[in-house]
Amino acid sequence: MTLMSSKCRNPEKCLKRMKILKKTFAIRKAFDYISAPRQTESV
């Protein structure tokens, strides 16, 4: 985290980006969790 904060000149922008990344990661995880059982059912 220290590397990221020192690299960023605008901390607000970085925080927003981190939040978006976390959101997309959570959505991806949830999507994988939802799609996984369907795949096993169809096979």
N, C-alpha and C. Protein backbone atom coordinates (compact mmCIF):
# COMPACT_ATOMS: atom_id res chain seq x y z
N MET A 1 0.83 -1.21 0.00
CA MET A 1 0.00 0.00 0.00
C MET A 1 0.86 1.26 0.00
N THR A 2 2.03 1.21 0.63
CA THR A 2 2.89 2.40 0.70
C THR A 2 3.38 2.77 -0.69
N LEU A 3 3.71 1.78 -1.49
CA LEU A 3 4.17 2.05 -2.85
C LEU A 3 3.08 2.73 -3.65
N MET A 4 1.86 2.24 -3.51
CA MET A 4 0.74 2.78 -4.26
C MET A 4 0.49 4.24 -3.86
N SER A 5 0.48 4.52 -2.56
CA SER A 5 0.18 5.87 -2.09
C SER A 5 1.28 6.86 -2.51
N SER A 6 2.53 6.41 -2.49
CA SER A 6 3.63 7.30 -2.87
C SER A 6 3.61 7.56 -4.38
N LYS A 7 3.15 6.56 -5.13
CA LYS A 7 3.09 6.69 -6.58
C LYS A 7 2.01 7.69 -6.98
N CYS A 8 0.92 7.72 -6.21
CA CYS A 8 -0.22 8.57 -6.55
C CYS A 8 0.00 10.01 -6.11
N ARG A 9 -0.28 10.92 -7.01
CA ARG A 9 -0.19 12.34 -6.65
C ARG A 9 -1.54 12.82 -6.14
N ASN A 10 -2.61 12.21 -6.65
CA ASN A 10 -3.96 12.57 -6.21
C ASN A 10 -4.55 11.40 -5.44
N PRO A 11 -4.53 11.45 -4.10
CA PRO A 11 -5.01 10.32 -3.30
C PRO A 11 -6.49 10.01 -3.51
N GLU A 12 -7.29 11.04 -3.78
CA GLU A 12 -8.73 10.82 -3.99
C GLU A 12 -8.97 9.96 -5.22
N LYS A 13 -8.22 10.25 -6.29
CA LYS A 13 -8.35 9.47 -7.53
C LYS A 13 -7.99 8.02 -7.28
N CYS A 14 -6.91 7.82 -6.51
CA CYS A 14 -6.45 6.46 -6.22
C CYS A 14 -7.47 5.70 -5.40
N LEU A 15 -8.06 6.38 -4.42
CA LEU A 15 -9.08 5.74 -3.58
C LEU A 15 -10.27 5.32 -4.43
N LYS A 16 -10.67 6.20 -5.34
CA LYS A 16 -11.79 5.88 -6.24
C LYS A 16 -11.45 4.67 -7.09
N ARG A 17 -10.24 4.65 -7.61
CA ARG A 17 -9.81 3.55 -8.47
C ARG A 17 -9.79 2.23 -7.69
N MET A 18 -9.28 2.30 -6.45
CA MET A 18 -9.22 1.10 -5.61
C MET A 18 -10.63 0.59 -5.33
N LYS A 19 -11.56 1.51 -5.06
CA LYS A 19 -12.95 1.12 -4.78
C LYS A 19 -13.56 0.45 -6.00
N ILE A 20 -13.30 1.01 -7.19
CA ILE A 20 -13.84 0.44 -8.43
C ILE A 20 -13.25 -0.95 -8.64
N LEU A 21 -11.94 -1.09 -8.43
CA LEU A 21 -11.27 -2.38 -8.60
C LEU A 21 -11.86 -3.41 -7.64
N LYS A 22 -12.08 -3.00 -6.39
CA LYS A 22 -12.65 -3.91 -5.40
C LYS A 22 -14.05 -4.32 -5.80
N LYS A 23 -14.83 -3.35 -6.32
CA LYS A 23 -16.21 -3.63 -6.75
C LYS A 23 -16.21 -4.64 -7.89
N THR A 24 -15.39 -4.38 -8.91
CA THR A 24 -15.34 -5.27 -10.07
C THR A 24 -14.88 -6.66 -9.65
N PHE A 25 -13.93 -6.72 -8.72
CA PHE A 25 -13.43 -8.01 -8.24
C PHE A 25 -14.53 -8.77 -7.51
N ALA A 26 -15.30 -8.04 -6.67
CA ALA A 26 -16.39 -8.66 -5.92
C ALA A 26 -17.47 -9.17 -6.88
N ILE A 27 -17.78 -8.36 -7.90
CA ILE A 27 -18.79 -8.76 -8.89
C ILE A 27 -18.32 -9.99 -9.64
N ARG A 28 -17.06 -10.01 -10.02
CA ARG A 28 -16.49 -11.17 -10.74
C ARG A 28 -16.58 -12.43 -9.89
N LYS A 29 -16.22 -12.29 -8.61
CA LYS A 29 -16.26 -13.43 -7.69
C LYS A 29 -17.69 -13.95 -7.58
N ALA A 30 -18.63 -13.02 -7.41
CA ALA A 30 -20.04 -13.40 -7.28
C ALA A 30 -20.52 -14.06 -8.56
N PHE A 31 -20.13 -13.52 -9.71
CA PHE A 31 -20.53 -14.08 -11.00
C PHE A 31 -19.99 -15.50 -11.16
N ASP A 32 -18.72 -15.69 -10.79
CA ASP A 32 -18.11 -17.03 -10.85
C ASP A 32 -18.88 -17.99 -9.94
N TYR A 33 -19.24 -17.51 -8.77
CA TYR A 33 -19.96 -18.35 -7.80
C TYR A 33 -21.33 -18.74 -8.34
N ILE A 34 -21.99 -17.80 -9.03
CA ILE A 34 -23.33 -18.05 -9.59
C ILE A 34 -23.23 -18.96 -10.81
N SER A 35 -22.25 -18.72 -11.66
CA SER A 35 -22.15 -19.47 -12.93
C SER A 35 -21.57 -20.87 -12.72
N ALA A 36 -20.79 -21.07 -11.68
CA ALA A 36 -20.14 -22.37 -11.45
C ALA A 36 -21.15 -23.51 -11.29
N PRO A 37 -22.16 -23.39 -10.42
CA PRO A 37 -23.12 -24.50 -10.26
C PRO A 37 -23.86 -24.82 -11.54
N ARG A 38 -24.19 -23.81 -12.33
CA ARG A 38 -24.91 -24.03 -13.60
C ARG A 38 -24.05 -24.84 -14.56
N GLN A 39 -22.76 -24.54 -14.59
CA GLN A 39 -21.85 -25.26 -15.48
C GLN A 39 -21.80 -26.74 -15.09
N THR A 40 -21.71 -27.02 -13.80
CA THR A 40 -21.62 -28.41 -13.34
C THR A 40 -22.93 -29.14 -13.62
N GLU A 41 -24.05 -28.41 -13.57
CA GLU A 41 -25.35 -29.03 -13.84
C GLU A 41 -25.48 -29.42 -15.30
N SER A 42 -25.02 -28.53 -16.19
CA SER A 42 -25.18 -28.78 -17.63
C SER A 42 -24.27 -29.91 -18.10
N VAL A 43 -23.12 -30.08 -17.45
CA VAL A 43 -22.17 -31.12 -17.89
C VAL A 43 -22.68 -32.49 -17.49
